[in-house]
PDB file of N, CA and C in Angstrom:
ATOM      1  N   MET A   1     -25.230   8.777 -21.722  1.00  0.00           N
ATOM      2  CA  MET A   1     -24.446   8.386 -22.855  1.00  0.00           C
ATOM      3  C   MET A   1     -23.163   9.195 -22.958  1.00  0.00           C
ATOM      4  N   ASN A   2     -23.242  10.471 -22.764  1.00  0.00           N
ATOM      5  CA  ASN A   2     -22.049  11.308 -22.820  1.00  0.00           C
ATOM      6  C   ASN A   2     -21.080  10.958 -21.700  1.00  0.00           C
ATOM      7  N   TRP A   3     -21.625  10.530 -20.554  1.00  0.00           N
ATOM      8  CA  TRP A   3     -20.775  10.159 -19.426  1.00  0.00           C
ATOM      9  C   TRP A   3     -19.885   8.965 -19.787  1.00  0.00           C
ATOM     10  N   ILE A   4     -20.408   8.014 -20.520  1.00  0.00           N
ATOM     11  CA  ILE A   4     -19.630   6.846 -20.937  1.00  0.00           C
ATOM     12  C   ILE A   4     -18.498   7.278 -21.856  1.00  0.00           C
ATOM     13  N   LYS A   5     -18.753   8.193 -22.753  1.00  0.00           N
ATOM     14  CA  LYS A   5     -17.701   8.679 -23.647  1.00  0.00           C
ATOM     15  C   LYS A   5     -16.620   9.415 -22.861  1.00  0.00           C
ATOM     16  N   ILE A   6     -17.022  10.167 -21.868  1.00  0.00           N
ATOM     17  CA  ILE A   6     -16.050  10.915 -21.067  1.00  0.00           C
ATOM     18  C   ILE A   6     -15.158   9.968 -20.281  1.00  0.00           C
ATOM     19  N   THR A   7     -15.740   8.954 -19.639  1.00  0.00           N
ATOM     20  CA  THR A   7     -14.931   8.029 -18.850  1.00  0.00           C
ATOM     21  C   THR A   7     -14.007   7.188 -19.713  1.00  0.00           C
ATOM     22  N   LYS A   8     -14.415   6.871 -20.919  1.00  0.00           N
ATOM     23  CA  LYS A   8     -13.529   6.128 -21.813  1.00  0.00           C
ATOM     24  C   LYS A   8     -12.349   6.992 -22.244  1.00  0.00           C
ATOM     25  N   LYS A   9     -12.582   8.270 -22.435  1.00  0.00           N
ATOM     26  CA  LYS A   9     -11.499   9.158 -22.836  1.00  0.00           C
ATOM     27  C   LYS A   9     -10.512   9.390 -21.696  1.00  0.00           C
ATOM     28  N   LEU A  10     -10.986   9.370 -20.456  1.00  0.00           N
ATOM     29  CA  LEU A  10     -10.103   9.611 -19.322  1.00  0.00           C
ATOM     30  C   LEU A  10      -9.181   8.434 -19.034  1.00  0.00           C
ATOM     31  N   SER A  11      -9.586   7.231 -19.403  1.00  0.00           N
ATOM     32  CA  SER A  11      -8.797   6.025 -19.168  1.00  0.00           C
ATOM     33  C   SER A  11      -8.417   5.907 -17.690  1.00  0.00           C
ATOM     34  N   ILE A  12      -9.407   5.744 -16.859  1.00  0.00           N
ATOM     35  CA  ILE A  12      -9.222   5.740 -15.415  1.00  0.00           C
ATOM     36  C   ILE A  12      -8.456   4.513 -14.935  1.00  0.00           C
ATOM     37  N   GLY A  13      -8.628   3.379 -15.556  1.00  0.00           N
ATOM     38  CA  GLY A  13      -8.062   2.127 -15.084  1.00  0.00           C
ATOM     39  C   GLY A  13      -6.562   2.088 -14.868  1.00  0.00           C
ATOM     40  N   PRO A  14      -5.728   2.372 -15.867  1.00  0.00           N
ATOM     41  CA  PRO A  14      -4.288   2.145 -15.715  1.00  0.00           C
ATOM     42  C   PRO A  14      -3.623   2.987 -14.628  1.00  0.00           C
ATOM     43  N   TRP A  15      -3.994   4.236 -14.484  1.00  0.00           N
ATOM     44  CA  TRP A  15      -3.282   5.063 -13.513  1.00  0.00           C
ATOM     45  C   TRP A  15      -3.804   4.895 -12.093  1.00  0.00           C
ATOM     46  N   ILE A  16      -4.979   4.330 -11.909  1.00  0.00           N
ATOM     47  CA  ILE A  16      -5.516   4.180 -10.559  1.00  0.00           C
ATOM     48  C   ILE A  16      -5.042   2.891  -9.889  1.00  0.00           C
ATOM     49  N   LEU A  17      -4.561   1.925 -10.657  1.00  0.00           N
ATOM     50  CA  LEU A  17      -4.140   0.642 -10.102  1.00  0.00           C
ATOM     51  C   LEU A  17      -3.081   0.779  -9.006  1.00  0.00           C
ATOM     52  N   PRO A  18      -2.001   1.546  -9.184  1.00  0.00           N
ATOM     53  CA  PRO A  18      -1.013   1.645  -8.103  1.00  0.00           C
ATOM     54  C   PRO A  18      -1.591   2.243  -6.817  1.00  0.00           C
ATOM     55  N   PHE A  19      -2.502   3.188  -6.951  1.00  0.00           N
ATOM     56  CA  PHE A  19      -3.106   3.787  -5.765  1.00  0.00           C
ATOM     57  C   PHE A  19      -3.963   2.778  -5.014  1.00  0.00           C
ATOM     58  N   LEU A  20      -4.690   1.940  -5.748  1.00  0.00           N
ATOM     59  CA  LEU A  20      -5.498   0.898  -5.115  1.00  0.00           C
ATOM     60  C   LEU A  20      -4.619  -0.176  -4.487  1.00  0.00           C
ATOM     61  N   LEU A  21      -3.525  -0.534  -5.151  1.00  0.00           N
ATOM     62  CA  LEU A  21      -2.592  -1.496  -4.576  1.00  0.00           C
ATOM     63  C   LEU A  21      -2.024  -0.987  -3.253  1.00  0.00           C
ATOM     64  N   ALA A  22      -1.593   0.261  -3.235  1.00  0.00           N
ATOM     65  CA  ALA A  22      -1.029   0.839  -2.014  1.00  0.00           C
ATOM     66  C   ALA A  22      -2.081   0.913  -0.907  1.00  0.00           C
ATOM     67  N   LEU A  23      -3.291   1.278  -1.267  1.00  0.00           N
ATOM     68  CA  LEU A  23      -4.369   1.336  -0.270  1.00  0.00           C
ATOM     69  C   LEU A  23      -4.623  -0.046   0.328  1.00  0.00           C
ATOM     70  N   GLY A  24      -4.662  -1.070  -0.512  1.00  0.00           N
ATOM     71  CA  GLY A  24      -4.860  -2.433  -0.016  1.00  0.00           C
ATOM     72  C   GLY A  24      -3.739  -2.872   0.917  1.00  0.00           C
ATOM     73  N   GLY A  25      -2.514  -2.519   0.588  1.00  0.00           N
ATOM     74  CA  GLY A  25      -1.380  -2.885   1.440  1.00  0.00           C
ATOM     75  C   GLY A  25      -1.411  -2.194   2.787  1.00  0.00           C
ATOM     76  N   VAL A  26      -1.724  -0.915   2.791  1.00  0.00           N
ATOM     77  CA  VAL A  26      -1.765  -0.171   4.051  1.00  0.00           C
ATOM     78  C   VAL A  26      -2.931  -0.637   4.920  1.00  0.00           C
ATOM     79  N   VAL A  27      -4.077  -0.890   4.310  1.00  0.00           N
ATOM     80  CA  VAL A  27      -5.234  -1.370   5.083  1.00  0.00           C
ATOM     81  C   VAL A  27      -4.952  -2.753   5.661  1.00  0.00           C
ATOM     82  N   SER A  28      -4.372  -3.647   4.865  1.00  0.00           N
ATOM     83  CA  SER A  28      -4.070  -4.984   5.389  1.00  0.00           C
ATOM     84  C   SER A  28      -2.998  -4.921   6.478  1.00  0.00           C
ATOM     85  N   ASP A  29      -2.034  -4.013   6.347  1.00  0.00           N
ATOM     86  CA  ASP A  29      -1.033  -3.816   7.397  1.00  0.00           C
ATOM     87  C   ASP A  29      -1.697  -3.324   8.673  1.00  0.00           C
ATOM     88  N   TYR A  30      -2.626  -2.395   8.532  1.00  0.00           N
ATOM     89  CA  TYR A  30      -3.318  -1.864   9.709  1.00  0.00           C
ATOM     90  C   TYR A  30      -4.144  -2.954  10.397  1.00  0.00           C
ATOM     91  N   ILE A  31      -4.822  -3.778   9.618  1.00  0.00           N
ATOM     92  CA  ILE A  31      -5.640  -4.856  10.200  1.00  0.00           C
ATOM     93  C   ILE A  31      -4.758  -5.843  10.950  1.00  0.00           C
ATOM     94  N   THR A  32      -3.643  -6.265  10.350  1.00  0.00           N
ATOM     95  CA  THR A  32      -2.775  -7.226  11.035  1.00  0.00           C
ATOM     96  C   THR A  32      -2.065  -6.578  12.224  1.00  0.00           C
ATOM     97  N   THR A  33      -1.785  -5.286  12.153  1.00  0.00           N
ATOM     98  CA  THR A  33      -1.209  -4.588  13.307  1.00  0.00           C
ATOM     99  C   THR A  33      -2.200  -4.594  14.466  1.00  0.00           C
ATOM    100  N   THR A  34      -3.460  -4.328  14.168  1.00  0.00           N
ATOM    101  CA  THR A  34      -4.492  -4.329  15.206  1.00  0.00           C
ATOM    102  C   THR A  34      -4.642  -5.722  15.819  1.00  0.00           C
ATOM    103  N   ILE A  35      -4.607  -6.754  14.993  1.00  0.00           N
ATOM    104  CA  ILE A  35      -4.683  -8.124  15.502  1.00  0.00           C
ATOM    105  C   ILE A  35      -3.479  -8.423  16.394  1.00  0.00           C
ATOM    106  N   GLY A  36      -2.300  -8.039  15.945  1.00  0.00           N
ATOM    107  CA  GLY A  36      -1.087  -8.267  16.737  1.00  0.00           C
ATOM    108  C   GLY A  36      -1.107  -7.529  18.058  1.00  0.00           C
ATOM    109  N   LEU A  37      -1.606  -6.305  18.061  1.00  0.00           N
ATOM    110  CA  LEU A  37      -1.709  -5.556  19.311  1.00  0.00           C
ATOM    111  C   LEU A  37      -2.656  -6.251  20.280  1.00  0.00           C
ATOM    112  N   GLY A  38      -3.728  -6.830  19.752  1.00  0.00           N
ATOM    113  CA  GLY A  38      -4.669  -7.570  20.588  1.00  0.00           C
ATOM    114  C   GLY A  38      -4.082  -8.853  21.147  1.00  0.00           C
ATOM    115  N   MET A  39      -3.035  -9.373  20.506  1.00  0.00           N
ATOM    116  CA  MET A  39      -2.388 -10.602  20.969  1.00  0.00           C
ATOM    117  C   MET A  39      -1.249 -10.334  21.947  1.00  0.00           C
ATOM    118  N   GLY A  40      -0.985  -9.079  22.249  1.00  0.00           N
ATOM    119  CA  GLY A  40       0.065  -8.752  23.210  1.00  0.00           C
ATOM    120  C   GLY A  40       1.340  -8.201  22.607  1.00  0.00           C
ATOM    121  N   PHE A  41       1.425  -8.123  21.303  1.00  0.00           N
ATOM    122  CA  PHE A  41       2.583  -7.503  20.677  1.00  0.00           C
ATOM    123  C   PHE A  41       2.418  -5.988  20.722  1.00  0.00           C
ATOM    124  N   TYR A  42       3.486  -5.282  20.446  1.00  0.00           N
ATOM    125  CA  TYR A  42       3.349  -3.841  20.354  1.00  0.00           C
ATOM    126  C   TYR A  42       4.058  -3.319  19.118  1.00  0.00           C
ATOM    127  N   GLU A  43       3.628  -2.164  18.688  1.00  0.00           N
ATOM    128  CA  GLU A  43       4.167  -1.536  17.481  1.00  0.00           C
ATOM    129  C   GLU A  43       5.552  -0.992  17.793  1.00  0.00           C
ATOM    130  N   THR A  44       6.547  -1.380  16.998  1.00  0.00           N
ATOM    131  CA  THR A  44       7.911  -0.919  17.243  1.00  0.00           C
ATOM    132  C   THR A  44       8.098   0.539  16.840  1.00  0.00           C
ATOM    133  N   HIS A  45       7.215   1.038  16.034  1.00  0.00           N
ATOM    134  CA  HIS A  45       7.253   2.451  15.645  1.00  0.00           C
ATOM    135  C   HIS A  45       6.052   3.137  16.285  1.00  0.00           C
ATOM    136  N   PRO A  46       6.249   3.792  17.428  1.00  0.00           N
ATOM    137  CA  PRO A  46       5.092   4.329  18.167  1.00  0.00           C
ATOM    138  C   PRO A  46       4.339   5.444  17.431  1.00  0.00           C
ATOM    139  N   GLN A  47       4.948   6.072  16.461  1.00  0.00           N
ATOM    140  CA  GLN A  47       4.288   7.153  15.725  1.00  0.00           C
ATOM    141  C   GLN A  47       3.588   6.667  14.460  1.00  0.00           C
ATOM    142  N   TYR A  48       3.542   5.335  14.262  1.00  0.00           N
ATOM    143  CA  TYR A  48       2.916   4.793  13.052  1.00  0.00           C
ATOM    144  C   TYR A  48       1.431   5.101  13.022  1.00  0.00           C
ATOM    145  N   HIS A  49       0.980   5.532  11.882  1.00  0.00           N
ATOM    146  CA  HIS A  49      -0.451   5.719  11.640  1.00  0.00           C
ATOM    147  C   HIS A  49      -0.693   5.437  10.158  1.00  0.00           C
ATOM    148  N   PRO A  50      -1.767   4.708   9.837  1.00  0.00           N
ATOM    149  CA  PRO A  50      -2.008   4.368   8.427  1.00  0.00           C
ATOM    150  C   PRO A  50      -2.206   5.597   7.541  1.00  0.00           C
ATOM    151  N   PHE A  51      -2.681   6.700   8.107  1.00  0.00           N
ATOM    152  CA  PHE A  51      -2.851   7.914   7.308  1.00  0.00           C
ATOM    153  C   PHE A  51      -1.510   8.383   6.754  1.00  0.00           C
ATOM    154  N   TRP A  52      -0.474   8.385   7.599  1.00  0.00           N
ATOM    155  CA  TRP A  52       0.837   8.840   7.137  1.00  0.00           C
ATOM    156  C   TRP A  52       1.443   7.850   6.155  1.00  0.00           C
ATOM    157  N   ALA A  53       1.180   6.576   6.369  1.00  0.00           N
ATOM    158  CA  ALA A  53       1.704   5.564   5.445  1.00  0.00           C
ATOM    159  C   ALA A  53       1.092   5.735   4.061  1.00  0.00           C
ATOM    160  N   ILE A  54      -0.226   5.886   3.995  1.00  0.00           N
ATOM    161  CA  ILE A  54      -0.877   6.027   2.681  1.00  0.00           C
ATOM    162  C   ILE A  54      -0.490   7.353   2.037  1.00  0.00           C
ATOM    163  N   LEU A  55      -0.297   8.375   2.854  1.00  0.00           N
ATOM    164  CA  LEU A  55       0.127   9.668   2.317  1.00  0.00           C
ATOM    165  C   LEU A  55       1.510   9.560   1.667  1.00  0.00           C
ATOM    166  N   CYS A  56       2.430   8.861   2.310  1.00  0.00           N
ATOM    167  CA  CYS A  56       3.778   8.679   1.743  1.00  0.00           C
ATOM    168  C   CYS A  56       3.730   7.861   0.458  1.00  0.00           C
ATOM    169  N   PHE A  57       3.003   6.737   0.488  1.00  0.00           N
ATOM    170  CA  PHE A  57       2.922   5.902  -0.704  1.00  0.00           C
ATOM    171  C   PHE A  57       2.244   6.634  -1.855  1.00  0.00           C
ATOM    172  N   TRP A  58       1.112   7.257  -1.583  1.00  0.00           N
ATOM    173  CA  TRP A  58       0.392   7.955  -2.658  1.00  0.00           C
ATOM    174  C   TRP A  58       1.185   9.141  -3.188  1.00  0.00           C
ATOM    175  N   GLY A  59       1.917   9.828  -2.319  1.00  0.00           N
ATOM    176  CA  GLY A  59       2.751  10.942  -2.783  1.00  0.00           C
ATOM    177  C   GLY A  59       3.848  10.470  -3.726  1.00  0.00           C
ATOM    178  N   ALA A  60       4.539   9.392  -3.330  1.00  0.00           N
ATOM    179  CA  ALA A  60       5.601   8.850  -4.184  1.00  0.00           C
ATOM    180  C   ALA A  60       5.037   8.314  -5.494  1.00  0.00           C
ATOM    181  N   ILE A  61       3.895   7.652  -5.426  1.00  0.00           N
ATOM    182  CA  ILE A  61       3.274   7.116  -6.641  1.00  0.00           C
ATOM    183  C   ILE A  61       2.850   8.249  -7.565  1.00  0.00           C
ATOM    184  N   ALA A  62       2.281   9.302  -7.005  1.00  0.00           N
ATOM    185  CA  ALA A  62       1.850  10.439  -7.830  1.00  0.00           C
ATOM    186  C   ALA A  62       3.035  11.091  -8.530  1.00  0.00           C
ATOM    187  N   ILE A  63       4.120  11.284  -7.807  1.00  0.00           N
ATOM    188  CA  ILE A  63       5.309  11.909  -8.402  1.00  0.00           C
ATOM    189  C   ILE A  63       5.885  11.023  -9.508  1.00  0.00           C
ATOM    190  N   LEU A  64       5.999   9.709  -9.221  1.00  0.00           N
ATOM    191  CA  LEU A  64       6.549   8.808 -10.236  1.00  0.00           C
ATOM    192  C   LEU A  64       5.629   8.671 -11.442  1.00  0.00           C
ATOM    193  N   THR A  65       4.328   8.656 -11.199  1.00  0.00           N
ATOM    194  CA  THR A  65       3.383   8.535 -12.310  1.00  0.00           C
ATOM    195  C   THR A  65       3.481   9.743 -13.237  1.00  0.00           C
ATOM    196  N   LEU A  66       3.674  10.910 -12.672  1.00  0.00           N
ATOM    197  CA  LEU A  66       3.781  12.109 -13.493  1.00  0.00           C
ATOM    198  C   LEU A  66       5.165  12.257 -14.131  1.00  0.00           C
ATOM    199  N   ALA A  67       6.205  11.792 -13.452  1.00  0.00           N
ATOM    200  CA  ALA A  67       7.563  12.031 -13.929  1.00  0.00           C
ATOM    201  C   ALA A  67       8.070  10.972 -14.916  1.00  0.00           C
ATOM    202  N   LEU A  68       7.625   9.736 -14.753  1.00  0.00           N
ATOM    203  CA  LEU A  68       8.150   8.659 -15.596  1.00  0.00           C
ATOM    204  C   LEU A  68       7.339   8.515 -16.877  1.00  0.00           C
ATOM    205  N   PRO A  69       7.968   7.991 -17.922  1.00  0.00           N
ATOM    206  CA  PRO A  69       7.217   7.731 -19.157  1.00  0.00           C
ATOM    207  C   PRO A  69       6.145   6.662 -18.922  1.00  0.00           C
ATOM    208  N   LYS A  70       5.188   6.601 -19.793  1.00  0.00           N
ATOM    209  CA  LYS A  70       4.055   5.688 -19.641  1.00  0.00           C
ATOM    210  C   LYS A  70       4.309   4.332 -20.302  1.00  0.00           C
ATOM    211  N   LYS A  71       5.556   3.938 -20.431  1.00  0.00           N
ATOM    212  CA  LYS A  71       5.895   2.671 -21.083  1.00  0.00           C
ATOM    213  C   LYS A  71       5.919   1.538 -20.067  1.00  0.00           C
ATOM    214  N   LYS A  72       5.950   0.315 -20.568  1.00  0.00           N
ATOM    215  CA  LYS A  72       5.801  -0.884 -19.747  1.00  0.00           C
ATOM    216  C   LYS A  72       6.791  -1.001 -18.578  1.00  0.00           C
ATOM    217  N   PRO A  73       8.106  -0.864 -18.769  1.00  0.00           N
ATOM    218  CA  PRO A  73       8.977  -1.072 -17.605  1.00  0.00           C
ATOM    219  C   PRO A  73       8.730  -0.059 -16.496  1.00  0.00           C
ATOM    220  N   TRP A  74       8.357   1.155 -16.861  1.00  0.00           N
ATOM    221  CA  TRP A  74       8.165   2.186 -15.850  1.00  0.00           C
ATOM    222  C   TRP A  74       6.867   1.996 -15.089  1.00  0.00           C
ATOM    223  N   THR A  75       5.835   1.518 -15.750  1.00  0.00           N
ATOM    224  CA  THR A  75       4.588   1.251 -15.027  1.00  0.00           C
ATOM    225  C   THR A  75       4.779   0.073 -14.072  1.00  0.00           C
ATOM    226  N   LEU A  76       5.621  -0.885 -14.450  1.00  0.00           N
ATOM    227  CA  LEU A  76       5.927  -1.987 -13.535  1.00  0.00           C
ATOM    228  C   LEU A  76       6.670  -1.490 -12.303  1.00  0.00           C
ATOM    229  N   CYS A  77       7.528  -0.503 -12.480  1.00  0.00           N
ATOM    230  CA  CYS A  77       8.244   0.076 -11.333  1.00  0.00           C
ATOM    231  C   CYS A  77       7.281   0.767 -10.380  1.00  0.00           C
ATOM    232  N   VAL A  78       6.344   1.505 -10.917  1.00  0.00           N
ATOM    233  CA  VAL A  78       5.362   2.195 -10.071  1.00  0.00           C
ATOM    234  C   VAL A  78       4.476   1.181  -9.355  1.00  0.00           C
ATOM    235  N   ASN A  79       4.055   0.145 -10.068  1.00  0.00           N
ATOM    236  CA  ASN A  79       3.245  -0.901  -9.430  1.00  0.00           C
ATOM    237  C   ASN A  79       4.057  -1.668  -8.389  1.00  0.00           C
ATOM    238  N   GLY A  80       5.353  -1.832  -8.626  1.00  0.00           N
ATOM    239  CA  GLY A  80       6.220  -2.483  -7.638  1.00  0.00           C
ATOM    240  C   GLY A  80       6.334  -1.663  -6.369  1.00  0.00           C
ATOM    241  N   LEU A  81       6.451  -0.350  -6.519  1.00  0.00           N
ATOM    242  CA  LEU A  81       6.478   0.515  -5.347  1.00  0.00           C
ATOM    243  C   LEU A  81       5.164   0.413  -4.578  1.00  0.00           C
ATOM    244  N   ALA A  82       4.068   0.388  -5.301  1.00  0.00           N
ATOM    245  CA  ALA A  82       2.768   0.266  -4.644  1.00  0.00           C
ATOM    246  C   ALA A  82       2.639  -1.072  -3.932  1.00  0.00           C
ATOM    247  N   SER A  83       3.205  -2.118  -4.504  1.00  0.00           N
ATOM    248  CA  SER A  83       3.145  -3.445  -3.882  1.00  0.00           C
ATOM    249  C   SER A  83       4.024  -3.535  -2.644  1.00  0.00           C
ATOM    250  N   ALA A  84       4.989  -2.650  -2.511  1.00  0.00           N
ATOM    251  CA  ALA A  84       5.846  -2.646  -1.318  1.00  0.00           C
ATOM    252  C   ALA A  84       5.054  -2.339  -0.055  1.00  0.00           C
ATOM    253  N   SER A  85       3.877  -1.767  -0.201  1.00  0.00           N
ATOM    254  CA  SER A  85       3.053  -1.480   0.979  1.00  0.00           C
ATOM    255  C   SER A  85       2.574  -2.764   1.646  1.00  0.00           C
ATOM    256  N   TYR A  86       2.676  -3.895   0.957  1.00  0.00           N
ATOM    257  CA  TYR A  86       2.277  -5.180   1.541  1.00  0.00           C
ATOM    258  C   TYR A  86       3.366  -5.792   2.423  1.00  0.00           C
ATOM    259  N   LEU A  87       4.565  -5.221   2.467  1.00  0.00           N
ATOM    260  CA  LEU A  87       5.635  -5.773   3.292  1.00  0.00           C
ATOM    261  C   LEU A  87       5.273  -5.737   4.774  1.00  0.00           C
ATOM    262  N   GLY A  88       4.613  -4.679   5.213  1.00  0.00           N
ATOM    263  CA  GLY A  88       4.174  -4.602   6.610  1.00  0.00           C
ATOM    264  C   GLY A  88       3.175  -5.695   6.940  1.00  0.00           C
ATOM    265  N   PHE A  89       2.262  -5.952   6.015  1.00  0.00           N
ATOM    266  CA  PHE A  89       1.286  -7.023   6.201  1.00  0.00           C
ATOM    267  C   PHE A  89       1.978  -8.379   6.299  1.00  0.00           C
ATOM    268  N   VAL A  90       2.939  -8.634   5.408  1.00  0.00           N
ATOM    269  CA  VAL A  90       3.649  -9.914   5.420  1.00  0.00           C
ATOM    270  C   VAL A  90       4.417 -10.084   6.730  1.00  0.00           C
ATOM    271  N   ASN A  91       5.109  -9.039   7.168  1.00  0.00           N
ATOM    272  CA  ASN A  91       5.852  -9.096   8.425  1.00  0.00           C
ATOM    273  C   ASN A  91       4.908  -9.359   9.593  1.00  0.00           C
ATOM    274  N   ASN A  92       3.809  -8.640   9.666  1.00  0.00           N
ATOM    275  CA  ASN A  92       2.857  -8.828  10.761  1.00  0.00           C
ATOM    276  C   ASN A  92       2.263 -10.230  10.745  1.00  0.00           C
ATOM    277  N   ALA A  93       1.935 -10.730   9.560  1.00  0.00           N
ATOM    278  CA  ALA A  93       1.359 -12.076   9.464  1.00  0.00           C
ATOM    279  C   ALA A  93       2.363 -13.129   9.925  1.00  0.00           C
ATOM    280  N   LEU A  94       3.626 -12.964   9.561  1.00  0.00           N
ATOM    281  CA  LEU A  94       4.646 -13.926   9.992  1.00  0.00           C
ATOM    282  C   LEU A  94       4.843 -13.890  11.504  1.00  0.00           C
ATOM    283  N   VAL A  95       4.742 -12.720  12.108  1.00  0.00           N
ATOM    284  CA  VAL A  95       4.846 -12.609  13.565  1.00  0.00           C
ATOM    285  C   VAL A  95       3.625 -13.238  14.228  1.00  0.00           C
ATOM    286  N   ILE A  96       2.439 -12.977  13.708  1.00  0.00           N
ATOM    287  CA  ILE A  96       1.209 -13.527  14.274  1.00  0.00           C
ATOM    288  C   ILE A  96       1.209 -15.052  14.198  1.00  0.00           C
ATOM    289  N   PHE A  97       1.691 -15.615  13.091  1.00  0.00           N
ATOM    290  CA  PHE A  97       1.720 -17.069  12.926  1.00  0.00           C
ATOM    291  C   PHE A  97       2.900 -17.726  13.639  1.00  0.00           C
ATOM    292  N   GLY A  98       3.765 -16.924  14.247  1.00  0.00           N
ATOM    293  CA  GLY A  98       4.871 -17.468  15.031  1.00  0.00           C
ATOM    294  C   GLY A  98       6.102 -17.829  14.233  1.00  0.00           C
ATOM    295  N   ILE A  99       6.172 -17.444  12.983  1.00  0.00           N
ATOM    296  CA  ILE A  99       7.342 -17.746  12.161  1.00  0.00           C
ATOM    297  C   ILE A  99       8.483 -16.798  12.489  1.00  0.00           C
ATOM    298  N   PHE A 100       8.173 -15.510  12.657  1.00  0.00           N
ATOM    299  CA  PHE A 100       9.141 -14.529  13.130  1.00  0.00           C
ATOM    300  C   PHE A 100       8.882 -14.277  14.614  1.00  0.00           C
ATOM    301  N   PRO A 101       9.940 -14.115  15.392  1.00  0.00           N
ATOM    302  CA  PRO A 101       9.692 -13.780  16.796  1.00  0.00           C
ATOM    303  C   PRO A 101       9.255 -12.324  16.898  1.00  0.00           C
ATOM    304  N   GLY A 102       8.246 -12.088  17.655  1.00  0.00           N
ATOM    305  CA  GLY A 102       7.759 -10.727  17.852  1.00  0.00           C
ATOM    306  C   GLY A 102       8.200 -10.212  19.207  1.00  0.00           C
ATOM    307  N   ILE A 103       7.991  -8.949  19.422  1.00  0.00           N
ATOM    308  CA  ILE A 103       8.338  -8.327  20.688  1.00  0.00           C
ATOM    309  C   ILE A 103       7.074  -8.257  21.534  1.00  0.00           C
ATOM    310  N   HIS A 104       7.091  -8.905  22.695  1.00  0.00           N
ATOM    311  CA  HIS A 104       5.938  -8.896  23.598  1.00  0.00           C
ATOM    312  C   HIS A 104       6.080  -7.778  24.612  1.00  0.00           C
ATOM    313  N   ILE A 105       4.944  -7.342  25.131  1.00  0.00           N
ATOM    314  CA  ILE A 105       4.955  -6.301  26.183  1.00  0.00           C
ATOM    315  C   ILE A 105       5.417  -6.906  27.490  1.00  0.00           C
TER     316      ILE A 105
END
């Protein structure tokens, strides 16, 4: 019973959303990158690793979450930054589906 009161006071939901969004974007980018590599494409950034990507996104989100006010326009900005992690997934999907030309080995 006390645990429920503690979690309600912490309000875990609102501040964790950007971190989950960024994690979903990086994981989906990694999955589509792996699929593309299996199809004969190669990564244009040879030092890419999902660990560094999530570290950069989570670091920026943490700084913005602490520095910006907790009002509506600012939370949308933080969520927008977190959603930018899906750009890699979109690019990879467009290359896999043949809409964008990819670089073959």
